[in-house]
C-alpha atoms as a PDB file:
ATOM      1  CA  MET A   1       0.000   0.000   0.000  1.00  0.00           C
ATOM      2  CA  ARG A   2       2.847   2.345   0.834  1.00  0.00           C
ATOM      3  CA  ARG A   3       4.380   1.772  -2.615  1.00  0.00           C
ATOM      4  CA  ILE A   4       1.098   2.682  -4.283  1.00  0.00           C
ATOM      5  CA  LYS A   5       0.905   5.912  -2.264  1.00  0.00           C
ATOM      6  CA  LEU A   6       4.499   6.741  -3.203  1.00  0.00           C
ATOM      7  CA  LEU A   7       3.758   5.988  -6.852  1.00  0.00           C
ATOM      8  CA  PHE A   8       0.735   8.321  -6.865  1.00  0.00           C
ATOM      9  CA  PHE A   9       2.717  10.981  -5.012  1.00  0.00           C
ATOM     10  CA  GLY A  10       5.490  10.735  -7.623  1.00  0.00           C
ATOM     11  CA  ILE A  11       3.009  10.971 -10.477  1.00  0.00           C
ATOM     12  CA  GLY A  12       1.404  14.014  -8.832  1.00  0.00           C
ATOM     13  CA  VAL A  13       4.754  15.758  -8.411  1.00  0.00           C
ATOM     14  CA  PHE A  14       5.670  14.995 -12.033  1.00  0.00           C
ATOM     15  CA  LEU A  15       2.357  16.260 -13.418  1.00  0.00           C
ATOM     16  CA  GLY A  16       2.504  19.345 -11.212  1.00  0.00           C
ATOM     17  CA  SER A  17       5.991  20.209 -12.460  1.00  0.00           C
ATOM     18  CA  GLN A  18       4.849  19.756 -16.052  1.00  0.00           C
ATOM     19  CA  PHE A  19       1.923  22.120 -15.449  1.00  0.00           C
ATOM     20  CA  VAL A  20       4.212  24.751 -13.927  1.00  0.00           C
ATOM     21  CA  HIS A  21       6.688  24.381 -16.816  1.00  0.00           C
ATOM     22  CA  SER A  22       3.883  24.749 -19.400  1.00  0.00           C
ATOM     23  CA  SER A  23       2.518  27.789 -17.619  1.00  0.00           C
ATOM     24  CA  VAL A  24       5.949  29.463 -17.508  1.00  0.00           C
ATOM     25  CA  ALA A  25       6.565  28.687 -21.197  1.00  0.00           C
ATOM     26  CA  ALA A  26       3.180  30.157 -22.139  1.00  0.00           C
ATOM     27  CA  GLN A  27       3.977  33.305 -20.162  1.00  0.00           C
ATOM     28  CA  GLU A  28       7.346  33.616 -21.962  1.00  0.00           C
ATOM     29  CA  VAL A  29       5.654  33.358 -25.388  1.00  0.00           C
ATOM     30  CA  SER A  30       2.993  35.864 -24.337  1.00  0.00           C
ATOM     31  CA  LYS A  31       5.593  38.282 -23.013  1.00  0.00           C
ATOM     32  CA  THR A  32       7.564  38.009 -26.245  1.00  0.00           C
ATOM     33  CA  GLN A  33       4.429  38.572 -28.270  1.00  0.00           C
ATOM     34  CA  ASP A  34       3.559  41.675 -26.231  1.00  0.00           C
ATOM     35  CA  GLU A  35       7.021  43.143 -26.837  1.00  0.00           C
ATOM     36  CA  LEU A  36       6.992  42.769 -30.645  1.00  0.00           C
ATOM     37  CA  SER A  37       5.506  45.317 -33.054  1.00  0.00           C
ATOM     38  CA  LYS A  38       2.131  44.475 -34.569  1.00  0.00           C
ATOM     39  CA  PRO A  39       2.364  44.956 -38.363  1.00  0.00           C
ATOM     40  CA  TYR A  40      -1.012  43.464 -39.312  1.00  0.00           C
ATOM     41  CA  ASN A  41      -4.006  45.764 -39.704  1.00  0.00           C
ATOM     42  CA  PRO A  42      -7.364  43.952 -39.441  1.00  0.00           C
ATOM     43  CA  GLU A  43      -9.175  47.079 -40.690  1.00  0.00           C
ATOM     44  CA  ALA A  44      -7.116  47.440 -43.869  1.00  0.00           C
ATOM     45  CA  ASP A  45      -8.669  46.974 -47.285  1.00  0.00           C
ATOM     46  CA  ALA A  46      -6.085  44.399 -48.301  1.00  0.00           C
ATOM     47  CA  GLN A  47      -7.044  44.187 -51.975  1.00  0.00           C
ATOM     48  CA  LYS A  48      -6.911  47.964 -52.327  1.00  0.00           C
ATOM     49  CA  ASP A  49      -3.497  48.008 -50.610  1.00  0.00           C
ATOM     50  CA  ILE A  50      -2.185  45.240 -52.869  1.00  0.00           C
ATOM     51  CA  ASP A  51      -3.555  47.009 -55.966  1.00  0.00           C
ATOM     52  CA  GLY A  52      -1.576  50.091 -54.938  1.00  0.00           C
ATOM     53  CA  LEU A  53       1.551  48.006 -54.458  1.00  0.00           C
ATOM     54  CA  LEU A  54       1.064  46.450 -57.895  1.00  0.00           C
ATOM     55  CA  GLN A  55       1.087  49.894 -59.506  1.00  0.00           C
ATOM     56  CA  LEU A  56       4.309  50.706 -57.659  1.00  0.00           C
ATOM     57  CA  ALA A  57       5.773  47.282 -58.513  1.00  0.00           C
ATOM     58  CA  LYS A  58       5.317  47.987 -62.235  1.00  0.00           C
ATOM     59  CA  LYS A  59       7.113  51.328 -61.927  1.00  0.00           C
ATOM     60  CA  GLU A  60       9.942  49.947 -59.804  1.00  0.00           C
ATOM     61  CA  LYS A  61      10.130  46.560 -61.574  1.00  0.00           C
ATOM     62  CA  LYS A  62       9.889  44.652 -58.308  1.00  0.00           C
ATOM     63  CA  ASN A  63       8.049  41.606 -57.021  1.00  0.00           C
ATOM     64  CA  ILE A  64       5.834  41.783 -53.950  1.00  0.00           C
ATOM     65  CA  VAL A  65       6.259  39.656 -50.831  1.00  0.00           C
ATOM     66  CA  ILE A  66       3.033  39.154 -48.907  1.00  0.00           C
ATOM     67  CA  GLN A  67       3.533  37.844 -45.394  1.00  0.00           C
ATOM     68  CA  ALA A  68       0.254  36.187 -44.392  1.00  0.00           C
ATOM     69  CA  GLY A  69      -0.539  36.011 -40.699  1.00  0.00           C
ATOM     70  CA  GLY A  70      -1.811  38.078 -37.824  1.00  0.00           C
ATOM     71  CA  ASN A  71      -0.885  39.926 -34.667  1.00  0.00           C
ATOM     72  CA  TRP A  72      -2.062  36.862 -32.694  1.00  0.00           C
ATOM     73  CA  CYS A  73       0.728  34.729 -34.229  1.00  0.00           C
ATOM     74  CA  VAL A  74       4.032  34.901 -32.346  1.00  0.00           C
ATOM     75  CA  TRP A  75       5.964  33.415 -35.296  1.00  0.00           C
ATOM     76  CA  CYS A  76       4.487  36.065 -37.610  1.00  0.00           C
ATOM     77  CA  LEU A  77       5.642  38.794 -35.238  1.00  0.00           C
ATOM     78  CA  ARG A  78       9.033  37.161 -34.808  1.00  0.00           C
ATOM     79  CA  PHE A  79       9.557  37.066 -38.576  1.00  0.00           C
ATOM     80  CA  ASN A  80       8.628  40.725 -38.904  1.00  0.00           C
ATOM     81  CA  ASP A  81      11.052  41.595 -36.109  1.00  0.00           C
ATOM     82  CA  TYR A  82      13.733  39.374 -37.643  1.00  0.00           C
ATOM     83  CA  ILE A  83      13.626  40.940 -41.121  1.00  0.00           C
ATOM     84  CA  HIS A  84      14.004  44.439 -39.694  1.00  0.00           C
ATOM     85  CA  LYS A  85      16.816  43.549 -37.275  1.00  0.00           C
ATOM     86  CA  THR A  86      18.838  41.400 -39.683  1.00  0.00           C
ATOM     87  CA  ALA A  87      20.765  43.899 -41.813  1.00  0.00           C
ATOM     88  CA  ARG A  88      21.331  41.752 -44.920  1.00  0.00           C
ATOM     89  CA  VAL A  89      17.708  40.625 -45.061  1.00  0.00           C
ATOM     90  CA  ASP A  90      16.372  44.131 -44.370  1.00  0.00           C
ATOM     91  CA  ASP A  91      18.598  45.585 -47.108  1.00  0.00           C
ATOM     92  CA  LEU A  92      17.573  42.959 -49.673  1.00  0.00           C
ATOM     93  CA  LEU A  93      13.876  43.436 -48.984  1.00  0.00           C
ATOM     94  CA  LYS A  94      14.062  47.245 -49.127  1.00  0.00           C
ATOM     95  CA  ARG A  95      16.071  47.280 -52.360  1.00  0.00           C
ATOM     96  CA  ARG A  96      14.437  44.464 -54.314  1.00  0.00           C
ATOM     97  CA  PHE A  97      10.853  43.937 -53.082  1.00  0.00           C
ATOM     98  CA  LEU A  98       7.689  45.575 -51.928  1.00  0.00           C
ATOM     99  CA  TYR A  99       6.440  44.009 -48.696  1.00  0.00           C
ATOM    100  CA  TYR A 100       2.926  43.641 -47.306  1.00  0.00           C
ATOM    101  CA  HIS A 101       1.463  42.046 -44.173  1.00  0.00           C
ATOM    102  CA  LEU A 102      -1.828  40.360 -45.114  1.00  0.00           C
ATOM    103  CA  ASN A 103      -3.993  40.029 -42.030  1.00  0.00           C
ATOM    104  CA  TYR A 104      -5.781  36.838 -41.113  1.00  0.00           C
ATOM    105  CA  SER A 105      -7.718  37.090 -37.857  1.00  0.00           C
ATOM    106  CA  LYS A 106     -11.191  36.595 -36.439  1.00  0.00           C
ATOM    107  CA  GLU A 107     -11.801  40.317 -37.093  1.00  0.00           C
ATOM    108  CA  ASN A 108     -10.884  40.053 -40.781  1.00  0.00           C
ATOM    109  CA  LYS A 109     -10.040  36.820 -42.551  1.00  0.00           C
ATOM    110  CA  ASN A 110      -9.506  38.501 -45.967  1.00  0.00           C
ATOM    111  CA  GLU A 111     -11.014  35.394 -47.551  1.00  0.00           C
ATOM    112  CA  ALA A 112     -11.337  36.846 -51.058  1.00  0.00           C
ATOM    113  CA  VAL A 113      -7.705  37.988 -51.103  1.00  0.00           C
ATOM    114  CA  PHE A 114      -6.418  34.642 -49.848  1.00  0.00           C
ATOM    115  CA  GLN A 115      -8.600  32.826 -52.374  1.00  0.00           C
ATOM    116  CA  LYS A 116      -7.261  34.994 -55.194  1.00  0.00           C
ATOM    117  CA  TYR A 117      -3.542  34.723 -54.431  1.00  0.00           C
ATOM    118  CA  ALA A 118      -3.086  31.575 -52.318  1.00  0.00           C
ATOM    119  CA  PRO A 119      -6.178  29.334 -52.244  1.00  0.00           C
ATOM    120  CA  GLU A 120      -4.225  26.497 -50.577  1.00  0.00           C
ATOM    121  CA  GLY A 121      -2.247  28.754 -48.247  1.00  0.00           C
ATOM    122  CA  SER A 122      -4.261  28.063 -45.121  1.00  0.00           C
ATOM    123  CA  LYS A 123      -2.942  24.495 -45.148  1.00  0.00           C
ATOM    124  CA  LEU A 124       0.572  25.812 -44.461  1.00  0.00           C
ATOM    125  CA  GLY A 125       0.195  27.454 -41.065  1.00  0.00           C
ATOM    126  CA  TYR A 126       1.300  30.992 -40.316  1.00  0.00           C
ATOM    127  CA  PRO A 127       3.195  32.916 -41.340  1.00  0.00           C
ATOM    128  CA  PHE A 128       3.410  31.935 -44.949  1.00  0.00           C
ATOM    129  CA  PHE A 129       4.557  33.978 -47.900  1.00  0.00           C
ATOM    130  CA  ILE A 130       2.987  34.795 -51.239  1.00  0.00           C
ATOM    131  CA  ILE A 131       5.274  36.107 -53.955  1.00  0.00           C
ATOM    132  CA  LEU A 132       3.540  38.182 -56.636  1.00  0.00           C
ATOM    133  CA  ASP A 133       5.068  39.531 -59.812  1.00  0.00           C
ATOM    134  CA  LYS A 134       4.459  43.127 -60.876  1.00  0.00           C
ATOM    135  CA  ASN A 135       1.265  42.056 -62.684  1.00  0.00           C
ATOM    136  CA  GLY A 136      -0.260  40.370 -59.657  1.00  0.00           C
ATOM    137  CA  LYS A 137       0.446  36.811 -60.755  1.00  0.00           C
ATOM    138  CA  THR A 138       1.240  34.462 -57.887  1.00  0.00           C
ATOM    139  CA  LEU A 139       4.729  33.124 -58.508  1.00  0.00           C
ATOM    140  CA  HIS A 140       5.126  31.091 -55.343  1.00  0.00           C
ATOM    141  CA  VAL A 141       3.543  30.311 -51.970  1.00  0.00           C
ATOM    142  CA  GLN A 142       6.001  29.326 -49.245  1.00  0.00           C
ATOM    143  CA  GLU A 143       5.650  27.999 -45.719  1.00  0.00           C
ATOM    144  CA  SER A 144       7.959  29.483 -43.088  1.00  0.00           C
ATOM    145  CA  GLY A 145       8.866  26.456 -40.973  1.00  0.00           C
ATOM    146  CA  SER A 146      11.798  25.514 -43.197  1.00  0.00           C
ATOM    147  CA  LEU A 147      13.297  28.976 -42.577  1.00  0.00           C
ATOM    148  CA  GLU A 148      13.289  28.648 -38.779  1.00  0.00           C
ATOM    149  CA  LYS A 149      16.266  28.192 -36.504  1.00  0.00           C
ATOM    150  CA  GLY A 150      15.464  27.756 -32.815  1.00  0.00           C
ATOM    151  CA  LYS A 151      13.039  30.499 -31.818  1.00  0.00           C
ATOM    152  CA  SER A 152      14.109  32.646 -34.768  1.00  0.00           C
ATOM    153  CA  TYR A 153      15.084  32.235 -38.408  1.00  0.00           C
ATOM    154  CA  ASP A 154      18.173  31.114 -40.324  1.00  0.00           C
ATOM    155  CA  GLU A 155      19.698  34.067 -42.175  1.00  0.00           C
ATOM    156  CA  GLU A 156      21.166  32.036 -45.047  1.00  0.00           C
ATOM    157  CA  LYS A 157      17.899  30.169 -45.663  1.00  0.00           C
ATOM    158  CA  VAL A 158      15.870  33.391 -45.554  1.00  0.00           C
ATOM    159  CA  LEU A 159      18.257  35.149 -47.942  1.00  0.00           C
ATOM    160  CA  LYS A 160      18.251  32.181 -50.324  1.00  0.00           C
ATOM    161  CA  PHE A 161      14.437  32.116 -50.318  1.00  0.00           C
ATOM    162  CA  PHE A 162      14.072  35.826 -51.066  1.00  0.00           C
ATOM    163  CA  ASN A 163      16.922  35.904 -53.599  1.00  0.00           C
ATOM    164  CA  THR A 164      15.146  33.155 -55.556  1.00  0.00           C
ATOM    165  CA  TRP A 165      12.208  35.532 -56.115  1.00  0.00           C
ATOM    166  CA  VAL A 166      13.959  38.801 -56.970  1.00  0.00           C
ATOM    167  CA  ALA A 167      12.405  40.245 -60.149  1.00  0.00           C
ATOM    168  CA  LYS A 168      14.610  39.722 -63.183  1.00  0.00           C
END
């Protein structure tokens, strides 16, 4: 009987420690999310914004990168933070692309825009990327998981991905 009590006590201690660990990890993610800038605008008219970028893309002979996600998505916010704080990536994006954050949230799912440019995109998780040419043709839809490194992103993989889609 004593062994059974010790077994249950051990299981209780183990489960309790797992609960505490999960709670601390969730607080760390939440804290990180609170500290990052929120680039997605649920009130934006995404198609109108993209149409404006397409006009500019024709003039500047650039492709457009659309980062699909939302302010609720810590990986979306981390990628936004990463591209601005990583000098080589930031420089490449500013010189060779136009960049847009396409909101997906309960407030605005932008269903028509997603259907138009990336009908299968929701199967990828967030963030994911849509590359448009200057005429609005979808050239590529890319998941972001393969670009990750730890709790951030791999600079060489990110640069290789974007360099593949620079307008010729």
